[in-house]
Amino acid sequence: MRAPEPALTLTCRISGDPAGRPTVLLHALGNTGRTWDRLVRELGPHGRRLFVPDLRGHGRSPRAGAYTFELMVRDVLSLLDRHRLGTVDLVGHSMGGHVAWLVAQRHPSRVGRLVIEDTPPPPRDAAAEAELRARSRPAGDRAPVLSLYREFRELLRTGELDGAAVRPVIDGLRQADPGWWRRLGEVTAETLVISGGLSSPVPRSLLAEVADAVPRGRLLAIDAGHYVHRTEPERYCAEVARFLA
């Protein structure tokens, strides 16, 4: 039997009050932990110990032979264990949001509060997966897609993104997972689901379904597109700080 691939030791910036509430911020595909700089500045003075990793294949963290959400969850749990963190608050965007969901579903005792920013849920079944893949083919206004890939290219140029990570992560987000929807009911964390509103490619109505399925979940819509924390940083930071207080 092949041994499971070990967790990676993620590069992680740590700041804030050493005795503060541990809070972990997980970035999206094609980003690094630097995307959270504004939120770090906002949360730092409020009694928090902030852990901001670069996820596998991103930033200064190691490149890997495989990129799956299972492995990313393992990396994050290893990070928590390495720093002897029991229960933490988790904030995740897109890819990082999906990792945060999986941690909260499978290890509910380790997540106190959960913030999920504009993260597409997996399709419920094969039919929904096929429909999602059809809708994802380039058509109409491609400006958001082109902007995203320009950002990817910049990180590739600077060596801060392993190009081998891109396709597996996108495919993982589009793969049907009916168990994921069932496990929403097992999330015990108080949860804030943030939608990018009508400007986002992730339907607000779908995120409303997700929030409703979490026992202590609620939806907040900010019409800012997929990168809410960048487009509306002041509002985003204020809402997240208020929720985590």
C-alpha atoms as a PDB file:
ATOM      1  CA  MET A   1       0.000   0.000   0.000  1.00  0.00           C
ATOM      2  CA  ARG A   2       1.317   3.430  -0.932  1.00  0.00           C
ATOM      3  CA  ALA A   3       1.993   5.672   2.061  1.00  0.00           C
ATOM      4  CA  PRO A   4      -0.045   8.899   2.152  1.00  0.00           C
ATOM      5  CA  GLU A   5       1.814  11.997   1.031  1.00  0.00           C
ATOM      6  CA  PRO A   6       3.047  13.893   4.100  1.00  0.00           C
ATOM      7  CA  ALA A   7       1.824  17.379   4.907  1.00  0.00           C
ATOM      8  CA  LEU A   8       3.982  20.261   3.781  1.00  0.00           C
ATOM      9  CA  THR A   9       5.477  22.749   6.203  1.00  0.00           C
ATOM     10  CA  LEU A  10       3.859  25.972   5.037  1.00  0.00           C
ATOM     11  CA  THR A  11       5.598  29.318   5.220  1.00  0.00           C
ATOM     12  CA  CYS A  12       3.496  31.370   7.624  1.00  0.00           C
ATOM     13  CA  ARG A  13       3.637  34.957   8.828  1.00  0.00           C
ATOM     14  CA  ILE A  14       2.649  35.377  12.473  1.00  0.00           C
ATOM     15  CA  SER A  15       1.732  38.695  14.047  1.00  0.00           C
ATOM     16  CA  GLY A  16      -0.445  40.285  16.705  1.00  0.00           C
ATOM     17  CA  ASP A  17      -0.942  39.619  20.392  1.00  0.00           C
ATOM     18  CA  PRO A  18       0.947  36.437  21.471  1.00  0.00           C
ATOM     19  CA  ALA A  19      -1.845  35.772  23.971  1.00  0.00           C
ATOM     20  CA  GLY A  20      -4.615  36.692  21.536  1.00  0.00           C
ATOM     21  CA  ARG A  21      -7.268  34.590  19.867  1.00  0.00           C
ATOM     22  CA  PRO A  22      -5.588  32.547  17.094  1.00  0.00           C
ATOM     23  CA  THR A  23      -6.960  33.458  13.667  1.00  0.00           C
ATOM     24  CA  VAL A  24      -5.864  31.796  10.422  1.00  0.00           C
ATOM     25  CA  LEU A  25      -6.295  33.507   7.029  1.00  0.00           C
ATOM     26  CA  LEU A  26      -6.345  31.315   3.901  1.00  0.00           C
ATOM     27  CA  HIS A  27      -5.877  32.882   0.461  1.00  0.00           C
ATOM     28  CA  ALA A  28      -7.292  32.043  -2.969  1.00  0.00           C
ATOM     29  CA  LEU A  29      -5.709  30.270  -5.926  1.00  0.00           C
ATOM     30  CA  GLY A  30      -3.059  32.436  -7.536  1.00  0.00           C
ATOM     31  CA  ASN A  31      -2.675  34.653  -4.457  1.00  0.00           C
ATOM     32  CA  THR A  32      -0.325  34.621  -1.468  1.00  0.00           C
ATOM     33  CA  GLY A  33      -0.782  35.528   2.171  1.00  0.00           C
ATOM     34  CA  ARG A  34      -0.004  39.139   1.249  1.00  0.00           C
ATOM     35  CA  THR A  35      -3.568  39.474  -0.033  1.00  0.00           C
ATOM     36  CA  TRP A  36      -4.625  39.733   3.639  1.00  0.00           C
ATOM     37  CA  ASP A  37      -2.340  42.638   4.605  1.00  0.00           C
ATOM     38  CA  ARG A  38      -5.206  45.103   5.056  1.00  0.00           C
ATOM     39  CA  LEU A  39      -7.215  42.662   7.186  1.00  0.00           C
ATOM     40  CA  VAL A  40      -4.134  41.858   9.277  1.00  0.00           C
ATOM     41  CA  ARG A  41      -3.702  45.549  10.042  1.00  0.00           C
ATOM     42  CA  GLU A  42      -7.365  45.779  10.999  1.00  0.00           C
ATOM     43  CA  LEU A  43      -7.480  42.706  13.251  1.00  0.00           C
ATOM     44  CA  GLY A  44      -4.036  43.021  14.847  1.00  0.00           C
ATOM     45  CA  PRO A  45      -4.974  45.661  17.464  1.00  0.00           C
ATOM     46  CA  HIS A  46      -8.064  43.697  18.534  1.00  0.00           C
ATOM     47  CA  GLY A  47      -6.453  41.001  20.652  1.00  0.00           C
ATOM     48  CA  ARG A  48      -5.724  38.499  17.914  1.00  0.00           C
ATOM     49  CA  ARG A  49      -2.787  36.288  17.050  1.00  0.00           C
ATOM     50  CA  LEU A  50      -2.769  36.110  13.249  1.00  0.00           C
ATOM     51  CA  PHE A  51      -1.419  33.206  11.224  1.00  0.00           C
ATOM     52  CA  VAL A  52      -1.164  33.918   7.490  1.00  0.00           C
ATOM     53  CA  PRO A  53       0.258  30.992   5.495  1.00  0.00           C
ATOM     54  CA  ASP A  54       1.117  30.705   1.841  1.00  0.00           C
ATOM     55  CA  LEU A  55      -0.700  27.526   0.782  1.00  0.00           C
ATOM     56  CA  ARG A  56       1.147  24.748  -1.041  1.00  0.00           C
ATOM     57  CA  GLY A  57       2.582  25.842  -4.378  1.00  0.00           C
ATOM     58  CA  HIS A  58       2.088  29.525  -3.563  1.00  0.00           C
ATOM     59  CA  GLY A  59       4.344  32.285  -2.304  1.00  0.00           C
ATOM     60  CA  ARG A  60       7.275  31.002  -0.283  1.00  0.00           C
ATOM     61  CA  SER A  61       5.736  27.641   0.615  1.00  0.00           C
ATOM     62  CA  PRO A  62       7.113  24.473  -0.987  1.00  0.00           C
ATOM     63  CA  ARG A  63       6.083  23.214  -4.401  1.00  0.00           C
ATOM     64  CA  ALA A  64       4.486  19.782  -4.358  1.00  0.00           C
ATOM     65  CA  GLY A  65       4.078  16.697  -6.475  1.00  0.00           C
ATOM     66  CA  ALA A  66       0.290  16.857  -6.098  1.00  0.00           C
ATOM     67  CA  TYR A  67      -2.358  19.499  -5.488  1.00  0.00           C
ATOM     68  CA  THR A  68      -5.620  18.339  -3.962  1.00  0.00           C
ATOM     69  CA  PHE A  69      -7.913  19.786  -1.346  1.00  0.00           C
ATOM     70  CA  GLU A  70      -7.280  16.739   0.832  1.00  0.00           C
ATOM     71  CA  LEU A  71      -3.586  17.612   0.899  1.00  0.00           C
ATOM     72  CA  MET A  72      -4.256  21.298   1.535  1.00  0.00           C
ATOM     73  CA  VAL A  73      -6.440  20.410   4.522  1.00  0.00           C
ATOM     74  CA  ARG A  74      -3.646  18.182   5.810  1.00  0.00           C
ATOM     75  CA  ASP A  75      -1.167  21.064   5.430  1.00  0.00           C
ATOM     76  CA  VAL A  76      -3.386  23.440   7.412  1.00  0.00           C
ATOM     77  CA  LEU A  77      -4.033  20.920  10.196  1.00  0.00           C
ATOM     78  CA  SER A  78      -0.283  20.329  10.398  1.00  0.00           C
ATOM     79  CA  LEU A  79       0.206  24.093  10.740  1.00  0.00           C
ATOM     80  CA  LEU A  80      -2.281  24.211  13.630  1.00  0.00           C
ATOM     81  CA  ASP A  81      -0.613  21.273  15.338  1.00  0.00           C
ATOM     82  CA  ARG A  82       2.880  22.682  14.847  1.00  0.00           C
ATOM     83  CA  HIS A  83       1.883  25.877  16.640  1.00  0.00           C
ATOM     84  CA  ARG A  84      -0.171  23.977  19.243  1.00  0.00           C
ATOM     85  CA  LEU A  85      -3.379  25.682  18.265  1.00  0.00           C
ATOM     86  CA  GLY A  86      -6.520  23.996  19.532  1.00  0.00           C
ATOM     87  CA  THR A  87      -9.541  26.019  18.437  1.00  0.00           C
ATOM     88  CA  VAL A  88      -8.998  28.820  15.924  1.00  0.00           C
ATOM     89  CA  ASP A  89     -11.047  31.270  13.918  1.00  0.00           C
ATOM     90  CA  LEU A  90     -10.719  30.673  10.182  1.00  0.00           C
ATOM     91  CA  VAL A  91     -11.083  33.155   7.300  1.00  0.00           C
ATOM     92  CA  GLY A  92     -10.885  31.835   3.746  1.00  0.00           C
ATOM     93  CA  HIS A  93     -11.374  33.180   0.240  1.00  0.00           C
ATOM     94  CA  SER A  94     -12.269  30.987  -2.766  1.00  0.00           C
ATOM     95  CA  MET A  95      -9.719  28.118  -2.754  1.00  0.00           C
ATOM     96  CA  GLY A  96      -8.803  29.010   0.832  1.00  0.00           C
ATOM     97  CA  GLY A  97     -12.493  29.164   1.682  1.00  0.00           C
ATOM     98  CA  HIS A  98     -12.979  25.619   0.415  1.00  0.00           C
ATOM     99  CA  VAL A  99     -10.080  24.437   2.580  1.00  0.00           C
ATOM    100  CA  ALA A 100     -11.629  26.251   5.549  1.00  0.00           C
ATOM    101  CA  TRP A 101     -15.012  24.597   4.923  1.00  0.00           C
ATOM    102  CA  LEU A 102     -13.408  21.146   4.901  1.00  0.00           C
ATOM    103  CA  VAL A 103     -11.563  21.781   8.163  1.00  0.00           C
ATOM    104  CA  ALA A 104     -14.763  23.062   9.803  1.00  0.00           C
ATOM    105  CA  GLN A 105     -16.793  20.101   8.529  1.00  0.00           C
ATOM    106  CA  ARG A 106     -14.352  17.374   9.475  1.00  0.00           C
ATOM    107  CA  HIS A 107     -12.878  18.877  12.645  1.00  0.00           C
ATOM    108  CA  PRO A 108     -15.650  21.077  14.039  1.00  0.00           C
ATOM    109  CA  SER A 109     -14.079  21.347  17.486  1.00  0.00           C
ATOM    110  CA  ARG A 110     -11.080  23.141  15.968  1.00  0.00           C
ATOM    111  CA  VAL A 111     -13.026  26.066  14.490  1.00  0.00           C
ATOM    112  CA  GLY A 112     -14.713  28.665  16.673  1.00  0.00           C
ATOM    113  CA  ARG A 113     -15.786  31.212  14.071  1.00  0.00           C
ATOM    114  CA  LEU A 114     -15.654  30.880  10.322  1.00  0.00           C
ATOM    115  CA  VAL A 115     -15.637  33.511   7.575  1.00  0.00           C
ATOM    116  CA  ILE A 116     -16.048  32.301   3.993  1.00  0.00           C
ATOM    117  CA  GLU A 117     -15.571  34.864   1.218  1.00  0.00           C
ATOM    118  CA  ASP A 118     -17.247  34.229  -2.158  1.00  0.00           C
ATOM    119  CA  THR A 119     -16.307  30.545  -2.284  1.00  0.00           C
ATOM    120  CA  PRO A 120     -18.165  28.441  -4.878  1.00  0.00           C
ATOM    121  CA  PRO A 121     -19.646  25.301  -3.336  1.00  0.00           C
ATOM    122  CA  PRO A 122     -19.063  22.020  -5.181  1.00  0.00           C
ATOM    123  CA  PRO A 123     -21.859  20.738  -7.437  1.00  0.00           C
ATOM    124  CA  ARG A 124     -24.378  18.523  -5.676  1.00  0.00           C
ATOM    125  CA  ASP A 125     -24.292  15.726  -8.284  1.00  0.00           C
ATOM    126  CA  ALA A 126     -22.978  14.722 -11.723  1.00  0.00           C
ATOM    127  CA  ALA A 127     -25.693  16.643 -13.572  1.00  0.00           C
ATOM    128  CA  ALA A 128     -24.880  19.847 -11.689  1.00  0.00           C
ATOM    129  CA  GLU A 129     -21.173  19.274 -12.360  1.00  0.00           C
ATOM    130  CA  ALA A 130     -21.787  18.956 -16.100  1.00  0.00           C
ATOM    131  CA  GLU A 131     -23.874  22.141 -16.082  1.00  0.00           C
ATOM    132  CA  LEU A 132     -21.150  24.031 -14.182  1.00  0.00           C
ATOM    133  CA  ARG A 133     -18.448  22.926 -16.614  1.00  0.00           C
ATOM    134  CA  ALA A 134     -20.596  24.014 -19.556  1.00  0.00           C
ATOM    135  CA  ARG A 135     -21.208  27.434 -17.992  1.00  0.00           C
ATOM    136  CA  SER A 136     -17.494  27.808 -17.284  1.00  0.00           C
ATOM    137  CA  ARG A 137     -16.494  27.737 -20.942  1.00  0.00           C
ATOM    138  CA  PRO A 138     -15.307  31.172 -22.101  1.00  0.00           C
ATOM    139  CA  ALA A 139     -18.179  33.238 -23.455  1.00  0.00           C
ATOM    140  CA  GLY A 140     -19.431  36.783 -23.316  1.00  0.00           C
ATOM    141  CA  ASP A 141     -17.536  39.187 -21.113  1.00  0.00           C
ATOM    142  CA  ARG A 142     -14.117  37.680 -20.451  1.00  0.00           C
ATOM    143  CA  ALA A 143     -12.653  40.682 -18.621  1.00  0.00           C
ATOM    144  CA  PRO A 144     -12.782  39.092 -15.129  1.00  0.00           C
ATOM    145  CA  VAL A 145     -11.163  35.903 -16.460  1.00  0.00           C
ATOM    146  CA  LEU A 146      -8.419  37.827 -18.265  1.00  0.00           C
ATOM    147  CA  SER A 147      -7.736  39.918 -15.159  1.00  0.00           C
ATOM    148  CA  LEU A 148      -7.397  36.754 -13.080  1.00  0.00           C
ATOM    149  CA  TYR A 149      -4.981  35.135 -15.490  1.00  0.00           C
ATOM    150  CA  ARG A 150      -2.877  38.294 -15.664  1.00  0.00           C
ATOM    151  CA  GLU A 151      -2.442  37.974 -11.906  1.00  0.00           C
ATOM    152  CA  PHE A 152      -1.514  34.304 -12.273  1.00  0.00           C
ATOM    153  CA  ARG A 153       1.078  35.190 -14.905  1.00  0.00           C
ATOM    154  CA  GLU A 154       2.689  37.759 -12.623  1.00  0.00           C
ATOM    155  CA  LEU A 155       3.063  35.226  -9.809  1.00  0.00           C
ATOM    156  CA  LEU A 156       4.395  32.662 -12.277  1.00  0.00           C
ATOM    157  CA  ARG A 157       6.938  35.215 -13.483  1.00  0.00           C
ATOM    158  CA  THR A 158       8.137  35.918  -9.946  1.00  0.00           C
ATOM    159  CA  GLY A 159       8.179  32.215  -9.022  1.00  0.00           C
ATOM    160  CA  GLU A 160       5.440  32.605  -6.411  1.00  0.00           C
ATOM    161  CA  LEU A 161       2.979  30.216  -8.073  1.00  0.00           C
ATOM    162  CA  ASP A 162       3.539  26.673  -9.230  1.00  0.00           C
ATOM    163  CA  GLY A 163       1.693  26.464 -12.544  1.00  0.00           C
ATOM    164  CA  ALA A 164       1.032  22.788 -11.872  1.00  0.00           C
ATOM    165  CA  ALA A 165      -1.361  23.813  -9.076  1.00  0.00           C
ATOM    166  CA  VAL A 166      -3.826  25.742 -11.220  1.00  0.00           C
ATOM    167  CA  ARG A 167      -5.705  23.034 -13.118  1.00  0.00           C
ATOM    168  CA  PRO A 168      -6.062  20.527 -10.234  1.00  0.00           C
ATOM    169  CA  VAL A 169      -7.496  23.213  -7.949  1.00  0.00           C
ATOM    170  CA  ILE A 170      -9.985  24.448 -10.547  1.00  0.00           C
ATOM    171  CA  ASP A 171     -11.021  20.866 -11.316  1.00  0.00           C
ATOM    172  CA  GLY A 172     -11.359  20.151  -7.586  1.00  0.00           C
ATOM    173  CA  LEU A 173     -13.742  23.079  -7.147  1.00  0.00           C
ATOM    174  CA  ARG A 174     -15.888  21.799 -10.028  1.00  0.00           C
ATOM    175  CA  GLN A 175     -16.095  18.178  -8.876  1.00  0.00           C
ATOM    176  CA  ALA A 176     -19.448  16.963  -7.560  1.00  0.00           C
ATOM    177  CA  ASP A 177     -19.447  16.243  -3.828  1.00  0.00           C
ATOM    178  CA  PRO A 178     -22.888  15.509  -2.353  1.00  0.00           C
ATOM    179  CA  GLY A 179     -21.224  14.635   0.963  1.00  0.00           C
ATOM    180  CA  TRP A 180     -19.930  18.206   1.250  1.00  0.00           C
ATOM    181  CA  TRP A 181     -23.497  19.524   1.267  1.00  0.00           C
ATOM    182  CA  ARG A 182     -24.571  16.973   3.893  1.00  0.00           C
ATOM    183  CA  ARG A 183     -21.628  17.867   6.136  1.00  0.00           C
ATOM    184  CA  LEU A 184     -22.651  21.535   6.296  1.00  0.00           C
ATOM    185  CA  GLY A 185     -25.052  20.504   9.036  1.00  0.00           C
ATOM    186  CA  GLU A 186     -22.086  19.278  11.097  1.00  0.00           C
ATOM    187  CA  VAL A 187     -20.348  22.671  11.153  1.00  0.00           C
ATOM    188  CA  THR A 188     -20.610  23.964  14.719  1.00  0.00           C
ATOM    189  CA  ALA A 189     -18.766  27.256  14.147  1.00  0.00           C
ATOM    190  CA  GLU A 190     -20.658  30.507  13.988  1.00  0.00           C
ATOM    191  CA  THR A 191     -20.300  31.195  10.277  1.00  0.00           C
ATOM    192  CA  LEU A 192     -20.394  34.286   8.081  1.00  0.00           C
ATOM    193  CA  VAL A 193     -20.697  33.604   4.341  1.00  0.00           C
ATOM    194  CA  ILE A 194     -19.781  36.687   2.312  1.00  0.00           C
ATOM    195  CA  SER A 195     -21.115  36.978  -1.230  1.00  0.00           C
ATOM    196  CA  GLY A 196     -19.634  39.318  -3.831  1.00  0.00           C
ATOM    197  CA  GLY A 197     -23.176  40.106  -4.937  1.00  0.00           C
ATOM    198  CA  LEU A 198     -24.315  40.528  -8.526  1.00  0.00           C
ATOM    199  CA  SER A 199     -20.780  41.458  -9.618  1.00  0.00           C
ATOM    200  CA  SER A 200     -19.448  38.029  -8.657  1.00  0.00           C
ATOM    201  CA  PRO A 201     -19.483  34.907 -10.859  1.00  0.00           C
ATOM    202  CA  VAL A 202     -20.576  32.930  -7.777  1.00  0.00           C
ATOM    203  CA  PRO A 203     -24.381  33.191  -7.563  1.00  0.00           C
ATOM    204  CA  ARG A 204     -25.612  34.887  -4.399  1.00  0.00           C
ATOM    205  CA  SER A 205     -28.604  32.525  -4.307  1.00  0.00           C
ATOM    206  CA  LEU A 206     -26.257  29.534  -4.159  1.00  0.00           C
ATOM    207  CA  LEU A 207     -24.293  31.006  -1.271  1.00  0.00           C
ATOM    208  CA  ALA A 208     -27.585  31.734   0.487  1.00  0.00           C
ATOM    209  CA  GLU A 209     -28.394  28.003   0.283  1.00  0.00           C
ATOM    210  CA  VAL A 210     -24.999  27.223   1.791  1.00  0.00           C
ATOM    211  CA  ALA A 211     -25.434  29.692   4.663  1.00  0.00           C
ATOM    212  CA  ASP A 212     -28.942  28.356   5.385  1.00  0.00           C
ATOM    213  CA  ALA A 213     -27.595  24.811   5.633  1.00  0.00           C
ATOM    214  CA  VAL A 214     -25.131  25.728   8.409  1.00  0.00           C
ATOM    215  CA  PRO A 215     -26.778  25.656  11.857  1.00  0.00           C
ATOM    216  CA  ARG A 216     -25.209  28.985  12.908  1.00  0.00           C
ATOM    217  CA  GLY A 217     -24.639  30.447   9.464  1.00  0.00           C
ATOM    218  CA  ARG A 218     -25.681  33.729   7.887  1.00  0.00           C
ATOM    219  CA  LEU A 219     -25.137  35.472   4.570  1.00  0.00           C
ATOM    220  CA  LEU A 220     -23.736  38.931   3.953  1.00  0.00           C
ATOM    221  CA  ALA A 221     -23.791  40.305   0.389  1.00  0.00           C
ATOM    222  CA  ILE A 222     -21.420  43.086  -0.653  1.00  0.00           C
ATOM    223  CA  ASP A 223     -21.664  43.966  -4.342  1.00  0.00           C
ATOM    224  CA  ALA A 224     -17.928  43.903  -4.984  1.00  0.00           C
ATOM    225  CA  GLY A 225     -17.214  40.902  -7.209  1.00  0.00           C
ATOM    226  CA  HIS A 226     -15.156  37.849  -6.367  1.00  0.00           C
ATOM    227  CA  TYR A 227     -12.401  39.753  -4.514  1.00  0.00           C
ATOM    228  CA  VAL A 228     -14.541  41.459  -1.893  1.00  0.00           C
ATOM    229  CA  HIS A 229     -11.607  42.102   0.460  1.00  0.00           C
ATOM    230  CA  ARG A 230      -9.782  44.014  -2.287  1.00  0.00           C
ATOM    231  CA  THR A 231     -12.622  45.830  -4.000  1.00  0.00           C
ATOM    232  CA  GLU A 232     -14.372  46.985  -0.805  1.00  0.00           C
ATOM    233  CA  PRO A 233     -11.616  46.679   1.806  1.00  0.00           C
ATOM    234  CA  GLU A 234     -13.014  49.140   4.320  1.00  0.00           C
ATOM    235  CA  ARG A 235     -16.468  47.547   4.442  1.00  0.00           C
ATOM    236  CA  TYR A 236     -15.059  44.025   4.319  1.00  0.00           C
ATOM    237  CA  CYS A 237     -12.585  44.580   7.152  1.00  0.00           C
ATOM    238  CA  ALA A 238     -15.207  46.290   9.309  1.00  0.00           C
ATOM    239  CA  GLU A 239     -17.708  43.460   8.841  1.00  0.00           C
ATOM    240  CA  VAL A 240     -15.167  40.718   9.508  1.00  0.00           C
ATOM    241  CA  ALA A 241     -13.775  42.505  12.574  1.00  0.00           C
ATOM    242  CA  ARG A 242     -17.302  42.974  13.934  1.00  0.00           C
ATOM    243  CA  PHE A 243     -18.188  39.328  13.339  1.00  0.00           C
ATOM    244  CA  LEU A 244     -15.030  38.020  14.970  1.00  0.00           C
ATOM    245  CA  ALA A 245     -15.229  40.373  17.969  1.00  0.00           C
END
